[in-house]
Protein backbone atom coordinates (compact mmCIF):
# COMPACT_ATOMS: atom_id res chain seq x y z
CA UNK A 1 14.73 74.13 29.04
CA UNK A 2 18.10 72.37 28.41
CA UNK A 3 19.23 72.98 32.03
CA UNK A 4 16.01 71.29 33.25
CA UNK A 5 16.56 68.45 30.95
CA UNK A 6 20.26 68.14 32.16
CA UNK A 7 19.12 67.97 35.78
CA UNK A 8 16.53 65.37 35.05
CA UNK A 9 19.19 63.21 33.32
CA UNK A 10 21.52 63.84 36.39
CA UNK A 11 18.91 61.64 38.50
CA UNK A 12 19.14 58.62 36.08
CA UNK A 13 21.72 56.22 37.09
CA UNK A 14 23.18 55.56 33.61
CA UNK A 15 23.88 59.42 33.36
CA UNK A 16 24.55 60.35 37.02
CA UNK A 17 28.30 59.81 36.72
CA UNK A 18 28.64 61.84 33.64
CA UNK A 19 29.91 65.53 34.12
CA UNK A 20 27.74 68.55 33.38
CA UNK A 21 29.40 68.86 29.87
CA UNK A 22 28.81 65.23 28.96
CA UNK A 23 25.10 65.72 30.13
CA UNK A 24 24.67 68.72 28.14
CA UNK A 25 26.03 67.04 24.94
CA UNK A 26 23.27 64.24 25.48
CA UNK A 27 20.57 66.87 26.00
CA UNK A 28 21.81 68.61 22.82
CA UNK A 29 21.49 65.44 20.66
CA UNK A 30 18.02 64.21 22.39
CA UNK A 31 14.52 65.23 20.70
CA UNK A 32 11.32 66.04 22.61
CA UNK A 33 8.09 64.21 21.60
CA UNK A 34 4.55 64.53 22.76
CA UNK A 35 2.11 61.71 22.87
CA UNK A 36 -1.92 61.69 23.36
CA UNK A 37 -3.53 59.52 25.84
CA UNK A 38 -3.70 56.06 24.54
CA UNK A 39 -0.86 56.48 22.05
CA UNK A 40 1.87 53.96 21.76
CA UNK A 41 5.34 54.84 22.34
CA UNK A 42 6.97 51.67 22.41
CA UNK A 43 5.54 48.19 20.90
CA UNK A 44 6.54 44.95 22.16
CA UNK A 45 9.05 43.15 19.79
CA UNK A 46 10.17 46.24 18.26
CA UNK A 47 13.94 46.71 17.66
CA UNK A 48 15.09 49.33 19.99
CA UNK A 49 16.58 52.71 18.51
CA UNK A 50 16.02 54.98 21.46
CA UNK A 51 14.87 55.23 25.20
CA UNK A 52 12.73 57.95 26.84
CA UNK A 53 12.71 60.15 29.91
CA UNK A 54 9.31 61.32 31.09
CA UNK A 55 9.29 65.27 31.23
CA UNK A 56 5.57 65.66 31.96
CA UNK A 57 2.61 63.26 32.31
CA UNK A 58 2.61 59.33 32.77
CA UNK A 59 2.74 56.07 30.91
CA UNK A 60 1.91 52.41 31.47
CA UNK A 61 3.47 49.17 30.35
CA UNK A 62 1.65 46.34 29.21
CA UNK A 63 3.11 42.71 28.39
CA UNK A 64 1.24 42.39 25.10
CA UNK A 65 0.68 44.96 22.25
CA UNK A 66 -2.92 43.26 22.22
CA UNK A 67 -3.66 44.68 25.56
CA UNK A 68 -3.88 48.16 24.04
CA UNK A 69 -5.45 47.24 20.76
CA UNK A 70 -8.66 46.23 22.22
CA UNK A 71 -9.08 49.32 24.27
CA UNK A 72 -11.50 52.00 23.03
CA UNK A 73 -10.08 55.28 22.31
CA UNK A 74 -10.13 57.65 25.43
CA UNK A 75 -10.61 54.64 27.57
CA UNK A 76 -8.11 53.31 30.22
CA UNK A 77 -6.22 50.07 30.14
CA UNK A 78 -7.59 47.76 32.55
CA UNK A 79 -5.52 47.45 35.74
CA UNK A 80 -5.05 43.74 35.57
CA UNK A 81 -3.10 44.26 32.06
CA UNK A 82 -0.81 46.98 33.42
CA UNK A 83 2.77 45.70 34.49
CA UNK A 84 4.15 49.06 35.55
CA UNK A 85 3.35 52.80 35.85
CA UNK A 86 5.84 55.57 34.80
CA UNK A 87 5.76 59.15 35.89
CA UNK A 88 7.81 62.34 35.64
CA UNK A 89 11.51 61.85 35.88
CA UNK A 90 11.24 57.92 35.14
CA UNK A 91 12.53 56.38 32.11
CA UNK A 92 11.73 53.21 30.03
CA UNK A 93 13.18 51.61 27.02
CA UNK A 94 16.61 51.37 28.06
CA UNK A 95 16.91 47.75 28.39
CA UNK A 96 16.38 46.80 24.89
CA UNK A 97 18.35 49.75 23.77
CA UNK A 98 21.53 48.41 25.76
CA UNK A 99 21.18 44.86 25.26
CA UNK A 100 19.96 44.73 21.49
CA UNK A 101 17.17 42.60 22.31
CA UNK A 102 13.52 43.23 20.99
CA UNK A 103 11.37 45.43 23.21
CA UNK A 104 9.70 43.40 25.86
CA UNK A 105 6.76 45.46 26.59
CA UNK A 106 4.21 47.99 24.95
CA UNK A 107 4.50 51.40 26.56
CA UNK A 108 1.42 53.63 26.30
CA UNK A 109 0.56 57.16 27.25
CA UNK A 110 -1.66 57.37 30.18
CA UNK A 111 -2.25 61.06 29.67
CA UNK A 112 -1.01 63.80 27.79
CA UNK A 113 2.80 62.91 27.65
CA UNK A 114 6.07 64.68 27.15
CA UNK A 115 9.31 62.78 26.73
CA UNK A 116 12.90 63.26 25.96
CA UNK A 117 13.94 60.46 23.56
CA UNK A 118 17.66 59.51 23.62
CA UNK A 119 18.91 57.65 20.64
CA UNK A 120 21.59 54.87 20.50
CA UNK A 121 24.08 57.13 19.18
């Protein structure tokens, strides 16, 4: 598993210039999380403490937390409320983590989602 995570990180620009040892250290400190469809991963306005790399599944971003709150469980978010789609190998949450600014969007699992979470440290 760790080798697969290291290969995934090697494709992300912020980690691409790291050597394999440094990527291995990042993976060692990272944690794997699972989210159910419709579950929020990031909420707009939160203080950032980690960013996420999608290992399996997909997620969507919405500009407003309210875009998600009014969707019935098991239903999809209306397409006109979606800002961006994320899939396997893509990442999100890095901007707020790097700048220290609050989260700009709410990210929701579109289907069963597995992510690798990398914290500020």
